[in-house]
Amino acid sequence: MDTIEWINNREMHGMVTFSKDEISHELAHKSAESIHKDLGRLVAKGYIQPVFRGFYVIVPVQYRLKGIVPPSYFIDDLMRHLGKPYYVGLLSAAAMHGAGHQRAMQTQVMTVIPRLNVSRKDTLIDWNYRTEMPEELVVTKNGEMGVLRYSSPELTMVDMVQYAEHVGGYQRAATVLAELVESVDMQKLEAVLPWTTVATMMRLGYILEMVLGEQEKADVLYAMMKSRMGKKSWLLNPKVERKEDAGSNRWHVNGNVEVEIDEI
């Protein structure tokens, strides 16, 4: 069997990704150099696409003209290949929940440390990391090819604040939250608490109440956090100096940056 025949056979059996190790093992009669050249030619023709180190996706007909396969098509296969848990998160997950005003240029994927050794040529995926994976807060749906894992509305909301610098800052985060908040069950935020920090929840409460005017939802969160918050004061943006004339608020958050949501 030749390289192209092996790939065609794989696609016919519903397997749209493969690694160089797999094809080298299956086509043991061919030299590594020969397989490398074959794969290079198929990449040049737009028949396959390298998506990670030694990992390829077979480009389906509907993406041949664009020449790029979206990560949602192969991310589950890739992460199983890497042996790492994941979820599609942040702006990408928010869009899946209907908050699509502020879309990410790349698919934002959350996984666990240690960090992946990512090539500079990898422009399709924006990798983000946490220490542990909150499996009970990850939801799934059937994608184009198999399952797609993404953060629940509640985890997405908290992540938008905790990882604000990864989505373009607090103004962009607040703009997304203005759309996302309707999909969030505030009572379910209780399940997110073990996976985040008090500071993050205080900042979220501040944004809900002081920026978005979501008083009822802010009240639910405040009742949840009242016994946990203590007396410590938090900066809204920890990378910016304290604003001495910022007004006080029940979230103990110093509004040291101006946050205004964009028009939706």
C-alpha atoms as a PDB file:
ATOM      1  CA  MET A   1       0.000   0.000   0.000  1.00  0.00           C
ATOM      2  CA  ASP A   2       1.273   3.463  -0.913  1.00  0.00           C
ATOM      3  CA  THR A   3       1.044   6.573   1.283  1.00  0.00           C
ATOM      4  CA  ILE A   4      -1.931   8.097  -0.522  1.00  0.00           C
ATOM      5  CA  GLU A   5      -3.754   4.758  -0.553  1.00  0.00           C
ATOM      6  CA  TRP A   6      -3.220   4.372   3.189  1.00  0.00           C
ATOM      7  CA  ILE A   7      -4.599   7.882   3.833  1.00  0.00           C
ATOM      8  CA  ASN A   8      -7.587   7.342   1.511  1.00  0.00           C
ATOM      9  CA  ASN A   9      -8.377   4.043   3.229  1.00  0.00           C
ATOM     10  CA  ARG A  10      -8.204   5.717   6.613  1.00  0.00           C
ATOM     11  CA  GLU A  11     -10.570   8.481   5.516  1.00  0.00           C
ATOM     12  CA  MET A  12     -13.041   5.954   4.083  1.00  0.00           C
ATOM     13  CA  HIS A  13     -13.177   4.320   7.526  1.00  0.00           C
ATOM     14  CA  GLY A  14     -14.065   7.628   9.184  1.00  0.00           C
ATOM     15  CA  MET A  15     -10.623   8.403  10.638  1.00  0.00           C
ATOM     16  CA  VAL A  16      -9.610  11.891   9.565  1.00  0.00           C
ATOM     17  CA  THR A  17      -6.387  12.349  11.527  1.00  0.00           C
ATOM     18  CA  PHE A  18      -3.136  10.427  11.828  1.00  0.00           C
ATOM     19  CA  SER A  19       0.375  10.756  13.165  1.00  0.00           C
ATOM     20  CA  LYS A  20       3.631  10.240  11.316  1.00  0.00           C
ATOM     21  CA  ASP A  21       4.424   7.419  13.758  1.00  0.00           C
ATOM     22  CA  GLU A  22       1.184   5.626  12.780  1.00  0.00           C
ATOM     23  CA  ILE A  23       1.793   5.779   9.068  1.00  0.00           C
ATOM     24  CA  SER A  24       5.459   4.811   9.473  1.00  0.00           C
ATOM     25  CA  HIS A  25       4.426   1.781  11.508  1.00  0.00           C
ATOM     26  CA  GLU A  26       1.727   0.740   9.024  1.00  0.00           C
ATOM     27  CA  LEU A  27       3.938   1.284   5.971  1.00  0.00           C
ATOM     28  CA  ALA A  28       7.037  -0.343   7.396  1.00  0.00           C
ATOM     29  CA  HIS A  29       8.205  -1.288   3.885  1.00  0.00           C
ATOM     30  CA  LYS A  30       8.732   2.414   3.056  1.00  0.00           C
ATOM     31  CA  SER A  31      11.681   4.421   4.369  1.00  0.00           C
ATOM     32  CA  ALA A  32      11.137   7.330   6.736  1.00  0.00           C
ATOM     33  CA  GLU A  33      12.568   9.673   4.102  1.00  0.00           C
ATOM     34  CA  SER A  34      10.125   8.415   1.461  1.00  0.00           C
ATOM     35  CA  ILE A  35       7.125   8.875   3.769  1.00  0.00           C
ATOM     36  CA  HIS A  36       8.377  12.339   4.734  1.00  0.00           C
ATOM     37  CA  LYS A  37       8.538  13.359   1.071  1.00  0.00           C
ATOM     38  CA  ASP A  38       5.103  11.867   0.344  1.00  0.00           C
ATOM     39  CA  LEU A  39       3.546  13.797   3.228  1.00  0.00           C
ATOM     40  CA  GLY A  40       5.258  16.996   2.096  1.00  0.00           C
ATOM     41  CA  ARG A  41       3.785  16.633  -1.406  1.00  0.00           C
ATOM     42  CA  LEU A  42       0.303  15.984  -0.012  1.00  0.00           C
ATOM     43  CA  VAL A  43       0.569  19.038   2.250  1.00  0.00           C
ATOM     44  CA  ALA A  44       1.631  21.162  -0.746  1.00  0.00           C
ATOM     45  CA  LYS A  45      -1.419  19.922  -2.697  1.00  0.00           C
ATOM     46  CA  GLY A  46      -3.735  20.786   0.196  1.00  0.00           C
ATOM     47  CA  TYR A  47      -4.775  17.175   0.687  1.00  0.00           C
ATOM     48  CA  ILE A  48      -3.542  16.965   4.275  1.00  0.00           C
ATOM     49  CA  GLN A  49      -2.699  19.627   6.844  1.00  0.00           C
ATOM     50  CA  PRO A  50      -0.078  19.458   9.616  1.00  0.00           C
ATOM     51  CA  VAL A  51      -1.721  20.653  12.840  1.00  0.00           C
ATOM     52  CA  PHE A  52       0.901  19.745  15.430  1.00  0.00           C
ATOM     53  CA  ARG A  53       4.320  18.133  15.537  1.00  0.00           C
ATOM     54  CA  GLY A  54       3.992  14.984  13.401  1.00  0.00           C
ATOM     55  CA  PHE A  55       0.190  15.058  13.552  1.00  0.00           C
ATOM     56  CA  TYR A  56      -1.968  15.583  10.450  1.00  0.00           C
ATOM     57  CA  VAL A  57      -5.603  16.065   9.496  1.00  0.00           C
ATOM     58  CA  ILE A  58      -6.999  14.911   6.162  1.00  0.00           C
ATOM     59  CA  VAL A  59      -8.555  18.025   4.603  1.00  0.00           C
ATOM     60  CA  PRO A  60     -12.239  17.373   3.788  1.00  0.00           C
ATOM     61  CA  VAL A  61     -13.658  18.585   0.493  1.00  0.00           C
ATOM     62  CA  GLN A  62     -15.563  21.487   2.081  1.00  0.00           C
ATOM     63  CA  TYR A  63     -12.288  22.996   3.332  1.00  0.00           C
ATOM     64  CA  ARG A  64     -10.064  22.319   0.300  1.00  0.00           C
ATOM     65  CA  LEU A  65     -10.606  25.765  -1.263  1.00  0.00           C
ATOM     66  CA  LYS A  66      -9.872  27.571   2.018  1.00  0.00           C
ATOM     67  CA  GLY A  67      -6.907  25.312   2.635  1.00  0.00           C
ATOM     68  CA  ILE A  68      -7.399  25.446   6.416  1.00  0.00           C
ATOM     69  CA  VAL A  69      -9.328  23.014   8.602  1.00  0.00           C
ATOM     70  CA  PRO A  70     -10.809  24.628  11.748  1.00  0.00           C
ATOM     71  CA  PRO A  71      -9.487  23.154  15.015  1.00  0.00           C
ATOM     72  CA  SER A  72     -13.002  22.122  16.063  1.00  0.00           C
ATOM     73  CA  TYR A  73     -12.724  19.442  13.363  1.00  0.00           C
ATOM     74  CA  PHE A  74      -9.658  17.738  14.855  1.00  0.00           C
ATOM     75  CA  ILE A  75      -9.027  19.060  18.393  1.00  0.00           C
ATOM     76  CA  ASP A  76     -10.499  16.036  20.195  1.00  0.00           C
ATOM     77  CA  ASP A  77      -8.303  13.635  18.164  1.00  0.00           C
ATOM     78  CA  LEU A  78      -5.255  15.827  18.706  1.00  0.00           C
ATOM     79  CA  MET A  79      -5.677  16.020  22.474  1.00  0.00           C
ATOM     80  CA  ARG A  80      -6.176  12.266  22.754  1.00  0.00           C
ATOM     81  CA  HIS A  81      -2.993  11.869  20.693  1.00  0.00           C
ATOM     82  CA  LEU A  82      -1.184  14.179  23.130  1.00  0.00           C
ATOM     83  CA  GLY A  83      -2.712  12.445  26.152  1.00  0.00           C
ATOM     84  CA  LYS A  84      -3.929  15.715  27.682  1.00  0.00           C
ATOM     85  CA  PRO A  85      -7.399  16.751  28.884  1.00  0.00           C
ATOM     86  CA  TYR A  86      -8.834  19.908  27.354  1.00  0.00           C
ATOM     87  CA  TYR A  87     -11.798  22.105  26.690  1.00  0.00           C
ATOM     88  CA  VAL A  88     -12.501  24.808  24.145  1.00  0.00           C
ATOM     89  CA  GLY A  89     -12.741  27.906  26.310  1.00  0.00           C
ATOM     90  CA  LEU A  90     -12.747  31.677  26.704  1.00  0.00           C
ATOM     91  CA  LEU A  91     -13.920  33.608  23.617  1.00  0.00           C
ATOM     92  CA  SER A  92     -14.359  30.424  21.588  1.00  0.00           C
ATOM     93  CA  ALA A  93     -16.621  28.850  24.226  1.00  0.00           C
ATOM     94  CA  ALA A  94     -18.500  32.121  24.724  1.00  0.00           C
ATOM     95  CA  ALA A  95     -19.326  32.150  21.001  1.00  0.00           C
ATOM     96  CA  MET A  96     -20.655  28.596  21.310  1.00  0.00           C
ATOM     97  CA  HIS A  97     -22.979  29.849  24.069  1.00  0.00           C
ATOM     98  CA  GLY A  98     -24.289  32.645  21.867  1.00  0.00           C
ATOM     99  CA  ALA A  99     -21.924  35.456  22.887  1.00  0.00           C
ATOM    100  CA  GLY A 100     -20.368  35.873  19.469  1.00  0.00           C
ATOM    101  CA  HIS A 101     -19.858  39.646  19.320  1.00  0.00           C
ATOM    102  CA  GLN A 102     -16.187  39.383  20.293  1.00  0.00           C
ATOM    103  CA  ARG A 103     -14.823  36.368  18.426  1.00  0.00           C
ATOM    104  CA  ALA A 104     -11.298  35.041  18.811  1.00  0.00           C
ATOM    105  CA  MET A 105      -9.024  34.993  15.761  1.00  0.00           C
ATOM    106  CA  GLN A 106      -7.791  31.585  16.930  1.00  0.00           C
ATOM    107  CA  THR A 107      -9.598  28.725  18.642  1.00  0.00           C
ATOM    108  CA  GLN A 108      -8.863  29.129  22.351  1.00  0.00           C
ATOM    109  CA  VAL A 109      -8.143  25.790  23.990  1.00  0.00           C
ATOM    110  CA  MET A 110      -7.571  25.214  27.705  1.00  0.00           C
ATOM    111  CA  THR A 111      -5.442  22.292  28.847  1.00  0.00           C
ATOM    112  CA  VAL A 112      -3.224  21.491  31.833  1.00  0.00           C
ATOM    113  CA  ILE A 113       0.411  22.215  32.544  1.00  0.00           C
ATOM    114  CA  PRO A 114       3.137  21.361  31.651  1.00  0.00           C
ATOM    115  CA  ARG A 115       2.943  23.603  28.623  1.00  0.00           C
ATOM    116  CA  LEU A 116       3.109  22.145  25.155  1.00  0.00           C
ATOM    117  CA  ASN A 117       6.148  22.743  23.004  1.00  0.00           C
ATOM    118  CA  VAL A 118       4.255  24.677  20.344  1.00  0.00           C
ATOM    119  CA  SER A 119       5.737  25.662  16.999  1.00  0.00           C
ATOM    120  CA  ARG A 120       5.647  29.341  16.070  1.00  0.00           C
ATOM    121  CA  LYS A 121       3.902  28.255  12.870  1.00  0.00           C
ATOM    122  CA  ASP A 122       0.905  27.059  14.895  1.00  0.00           C
ATOM    123  CA  THR A 123      -1.490  29.949  14.316  1.00  0.00           C
ATOM    124  CA  LEU A 124      -4.756  28.019  14.526  1.00  0.00           C
ATOM    125  CA  ILE A 125      -4.876  27.379  18.276  1.00  0.00           C
ATOM    126  CA  ASP A 126      -4.355  29.734  21.205  1.00  0.00           C
ATOM    127  CA  TRP A 127      -3.179  27.447  24.010  1.00  0.00           C
ATOM    128  CA  ASN A 128      -4.100  28.331  27.600  1.00  0.00           C
ATOM    129  CA  TYR A 129      -3.223  26.423  30.750  1.00  0.00           C
ATOM    130  CA  ARG A 130      -4.503  25.630  34.216  1.00  0.00           C
ATOM    131  CA  THR A 131      -3.142  23.288  36.890  1.00  0.00           C
ATOM    132  CA  GLU A 132      -6.129  20.915  36.956  1.00  0.00           C
ATOM    133  CA  MET A 133      -9.078  20.150  34.704  1.00  0.00           C
ATOM    134  CA  PRO A 134     -12.568  20.829  36.180  1.00  0.00           C
ATOM    135  CA  GLU A 135     -14.194  17.872  34.428  1.00  0.00           C
ATOM    136  CA  GLU A 136     -17.625  18.397  36.006  1.00  0.00           C
ATOM    137  CA  LEU A 137     -17.757  21.882  34.438  1.00  0.00           C
ATOM    138  CA  VAL A 138     -16.947  20.695  30.919  1.00  0.00           C
ATOM    139  CA  VAL A 139     -19.811  20.005  28.533  1.00  0.00           C
ATOM    140  CA  THR A 140     -19.751  18.092  25.273  1.00  0.00           C
ATOM    141  CA  LYS A 141     -21.536  18.107  21.966  1.00  0.00           C
ATOM    142  CA  ASN A 142     -21.196  16.265  18.701  1.00  0.00           C
ATOM    143  CA  GLY A 143     -18.947  18.145  16.309  1.00  0.00           C
ATOM    144  CA  GLU A 144     -18.276  17.570  12.616  1.00  0.00           C
ATOM    145  CA  MET A 145     -16.096  14.599  13.477  1.00  0.00           C
ATOM    146  CA  GLY A 146     -16.832  13.178  16.920  1.00  0.00           C
ATOM    147  CA  VAL A 147     -17.105  14.911  20.265  1.00  0.00           C
ATOM    148  CA  LEU A 148     -16.177  18.499  21.084  1.00  0.00           C
ATOM    149  CA  ARG A 149     -15.502  19.503  24.712  1.00  0.00           C
ATOM    150  CA  TYR A 150     -16.075  23.080  25.845  1.00  0.00           C
ATOM    151  CA  SER A 151     -16.570  24.999  29.075  1.00  0.00           C
ATOM    152  CA  SER A 152     -20.040  25.424  30.559  1.00  0.00           C
ATOM    153  CA  PRO A 153     -21.511  28.961  30.566  1.00  0.00           C
ATOM    154  CA  GLU A 154     -20.614  29.291  34.251  1.00  0.00           C
ATOM    155  CA  LEU A 155     -16.995  28.193  33.843  1.00  0.00           C
ATOM    156  CA  THR A 156     -16.700  30.351  30.716  1.00  0.00           C
ATOM    157  CA  MET A 157     -17.899  33.387  32.651  1.00  0.00           C
ATOM    158  CA  VAL A 158     -15.363  32.889  35.431  1.00  0.00           C
ATOM    159  CA  ASP A 159     -12.537  32.082  33.005  1.00  0.00           C
ATOM    160  CA  MET A 160     -13.226  35.321  31.124  1.00  0.00           C
ATOM    161  CA  VAL A 161     -12.344  37.222  34.297  1.00  0.00           C
ATOM    162  CA  GLN A 162      -9.566  34.962  35.600  1.00  0.00           C
ATOM    163  CA  TYR A 163      -7.817  34.938  32.204  1.00  0.00           C
ATOM    164  CA  ALA A 164      -8.840  38.446  31.118  1.00  0.00           C
ATOM    165  CA  GLU A 165      -5.403  39.213  29.708  1.00  0.00           C
ATOM    166  CA  HIS A 166      -5.829  36.263  27.323  1.00  0.00           C
ATOM    167  CA  VAL A 167      -8.983  37.745  25.784  1.00  0.00           C
ATOM    168  CA  GLY A 168      -7.807  41.321  25.307  1.00  0.00           C
ATOM    169  CA  GLY A 169      -8.389  42.821  28.754  1.00  0.00           C
ATOM    170  CA  TYR A 170     -11.282  43.586  31.084  1.00  0.00           C
ATOM    171  CA  GLN A 171     -13.194  45.757  28.623  1.00  0.00           C
ATOM    172  CA  ARG A 172     -13.386  42.967  26.083  1.00  0.00           C
ATOM    173  CA  ALA A 173     -14.172  40.452  28.828  1.00  0.00           C
ATOM    174  CA  ALA A 174     -17.001  42.641  30.144  1.00  0.00           C
ATOM    175  CA  THR A 175     -18.437  43.055  26.636  1.00  0.00           C
ATOM    176  CA  VAL A 176     -18.580  39.277  26.255  1.00  0.00           C
ATOM    177  CA  LEU A 177     -20.081  38.853  29.720  1.00  0.00           C
ATOM    178  CA  ALA A 178     -22.861  41.270  28.789  1.00  0.00           C
ATOM    179  CA  GLU A 179     -23.995  38.708  26.201  1.00  0.00           C
ATOM    180  CA  LEU A 180     -23.026  35.545  28.061  1.00  0.00           C
ATOM    181  CA  VAL A 181     -24.768  36.411  31.336  1.00  0.00           C
ATOM    182  CA  GLU A 182     -28.183  35.398  29.986  1.00  0.00           C
ATOM    183  CA  SER A 183     -26.947  31.823  29.503  1.00  0.00           C
ATOM    184  CA  VAL A 184     -25.547  31.540  33.036  1.00  0.00           C
ATOM    185  CA  ASP A 185     -27.296  29.857  35.946  1.00  0.00           C
ATOM    186  CA  MET A 186     -25.885  31.865  38.856  1.00  0.00           C
ATOM    187  CA  GLN A 187     -26.547  29.051  41.337  1.00  0.00           C
ATOM    188  CA  LYS A 188     -24.171  26.830  39.362  1.00  0.00           C
ATOM    189  CA  LEU A 189     -21.282  29.206  40.066  1.00  0.00           C
ATOM    190  CA  GLU A 190     -20.986  27.411  43.416  1.00  0.00           C
ATOM    191  CA  ALA A 191     -19.462  24.474  41.540  1.00  0.00           C
ATOM    192  CA  VAL A 192     -16.831  26.760  39.991  1.00  0.00           C
ATOM    193  CA  LEU A 193     -15.528  28.068  43.332  1.00  0.00           C
ATOM    194  CA  PRO A 194     -13.053  25.215  44.007  1.00  0.00           C
ATOM    195  CA  TRP A 195     -11.476  25.879  40.587  1.00  0.00           C
ATOM    196  CA  THR A 196     -10.856  29.588  40.875  1.00  0.00           C
ATOM    197  CA  THR A 197      -9.748  32.264  43.345  1.00  0.00           C
ATOM    198  CA  VAL A 198     -11.604  34.607  45.666  1.00  0.00           C
ATOM    199  CA  ALA A 199     -10.026  37.517  43.783  1.00  0.00           C
ATOM    200  CA  THR A 200     -11.514  36.310  40.503  1.00  0.00           C
ATOM    201  CA  MET A 201     -15.003  36.030  41.990  1.00  0.00           C
ATOM    202  CA  MET A 202     -14.719  39.492  43.564  1.00  0.00           C
ATOM    203  CA  ARG A 203     -13.741  40.952  40.210  1.00  0.00           C
ATOM    204  CA  LEU A 204     -16.611  39.109  38.536  1.00  0.00           C
ATOM    205  CA  GLY A 205     -19.060  40.485  41.103  1.00  0.00           C
ATOM    206  CA  TYR A 206     -17.698  43.995  40.591  1.00  0.00           C
ATOM    207  CA  ILE A 207     -18.153  43.730  36.810  1.00  0.00           C
ATOM    208  CA  LEU A 208     -21.659  42.294  37.113  1.00  0.00           C
ATOM    209  CA  GLU A 209     -22.808  45.052  39.459  1.00  0.00           C
ATOM    210  CA  MET A 210     -20.720  48.138  38.687  1.00  0.00           C
ATOM    211  CA  VAL A 211     -20.207  47.703  34.938  1.00  0.00           C
ATOM    212  CA  LEU A 212     -23.098  45.611  33.612  1.00  0.00           C
ATOM    213  CA  GLY A 213     -25.769  46.694  36.108  1.00  0.00           C
ATOM    214  CA  GLU A 214     -26.825  43.068  36.670  1.00  0.00           C
ATOM    215  CA  GLN A 215     -27.929  43.698  40.244  1.00  0.00           C
ATOM    216  CA  GLU A 216     -29.953  40.516  40.830  1.00  0.00           C
ATOM    217  CA  LYS A 217     -27.196  38.275  39.509  1.00  0.00           C
ATOM    218  CA  ALA A 218     -24.616  40.207  41.509  1.00  0.00           C
ATOM    219  CA  ASP A 219     -26.726  39.725  44.656  1.00  0.00           C
ATOM    220  CA  VAL A 220     -26.736  35.942  44.114  1.00  0.00           C
ATOM    221  CA  LEU A 221     -22.964  35.916  43.787  1.00  0.00           C
ATOM    222  CA  TYR A 222     -22.519  38.194  46.799  1.00  0.00           C
ATOM    223  CA  ALA A 223     -24.585  35.856  48.997  1.00  0.00           C
ATOM    224  CA  MET A 224     -22.393  33.010  47.796  1.00  0.00           C
ATOM    225  CA  MET A 225     -19.145  34.873  48.524  1.00  0.00           C
ATOM    226  CA  LYS A 226     -19.984  36.891  51.636  1.00  0.00           C
ATOM    227  CA  SER A 227     -18.515  34.382  54.090  1.00  0.00           C
ATOM    228  CA  ARG A 228     -15.469  33.796  51.887  1.00  0.00           C
ATOM    229  CA  MET A 229     -14.382  37.286  50.889  1.00  0.00           C
ATOM    230  CA  GLY A 230     -12.711  38.528  54.057  1.00  0.00           C
ATOM    231  CA  LYS A 231     -11.523  42.136  54.279  1.00  0.00           C
ATOM    232  CA  LYS A 232      -8.730  42.105  51.726  1.00  0.00           C
ATOM    233  CA  SER A 233      -8.914  44.674  48.946  1.00  0.00           C
ATOM    234  CA  TRP A 234      -8.351  43.605  45.332  1.00  0.00           C
ATOM    235  CA  LEU A 235      -7.245  45.504  42.272  1.00  0.00           C
ATOM    236  CA  LEU A 236      -9.535  45.053  39.284  1.00  0.00           C
ATOM    237  CA  ASN A 237      -6.429  44.834  37.111  1.00  0.00           C
ATOM    238  CA  PRO A 238      -3.550  43.498  39.236  1.00  0.00           C
ATOM    239  CA  LYS A 239      -1.007  44.756  36.690  1.00  0.00           C
ATOM    240  CA  VAL A 240      -2.057  48.400  37.071  1.00  0.00           C
ATOM    241  CA  GLU A 241      -1.419  50.680  40.061  1.00  0.00           C
ATOM    242  CA  ARG A 242      -4.142  51.305  42.627  1.00  0.00           C
ATOM    243  CA  LYS A 243      -6.461  54.216  41.880  1.00  0.00           C
ATOM    244  CA  GLU A 244      -6.606  56.243  45.083  1.00  0.00           C
ATOM    245  CA  ASP A 245      -9.847  58.078  44.267  1.00  0.00           C
ATOM    246  CA  ALA A 246     -11.762  54.955  43.201  1.00  0.00           C
ATOM    247  CA  GLY A 247     -15.051  54.652  45.033  1.00  0.00           C
ATOM    248  CA  SER A 248     -15.602  51.929  47.623  1.00  0.00           C
ATOM    249  CA  ASN A 249     -17.881  48.977  46.929  1.00  0.00           C
ATOM    250  CA  ARG A 250     -19.018  45.811  48.651  1.00  0.00           C
ATOM    251  CA  TRP A 251     -16.694  43.689  46.472  1.00  0.00           C
ATOM    252  CA  HIS A 252     -13.588  45.332  47.960  1.00  0.00           C
ATOM    253  CA  VAL A 253     -12.373  45.855  44.395  1.00  0.00           C
ATOM    254  CA  ASN A 254     -10.389  48.927  43.488  1.00  0.00           C
ATOM    255  CA  GLY A 255     -11.617  50.010  40.055  1.00  0.00           C
ATOM    256  CA  ASN A 256      -8.142  50.990  38.878  1.00  0.00           C
ATOM    257  CA  VAL A 257      -9.058  50.677  35.182  1.00  0.00           C
ATOM    258  CA  GLU A 258     -12.059  52.097  33.365  1.00  0.00           C
ATOM    259  CA  VAL A 259     -14.310  49.407  31.931  1.00  0.00           C
ATOM    260  CA  GLU A 260     -17.003  50.243  29.424  1.00  0.00           C
ATOM    261  CA  ILE A 261     -18.683  47.609  27.295  1.00  0.00           C
ATOM    262  CA  ASP A 262     -18.659  47.991  23.530  1.00  0.00           C
ATOM    263  CA  GLU A 263     -21.884  48.371  21.604  1.00  0.00           C
ATOM    264  CA  ILE A 264     -23.412  44.952  20.999  1.00  0.00           C
END
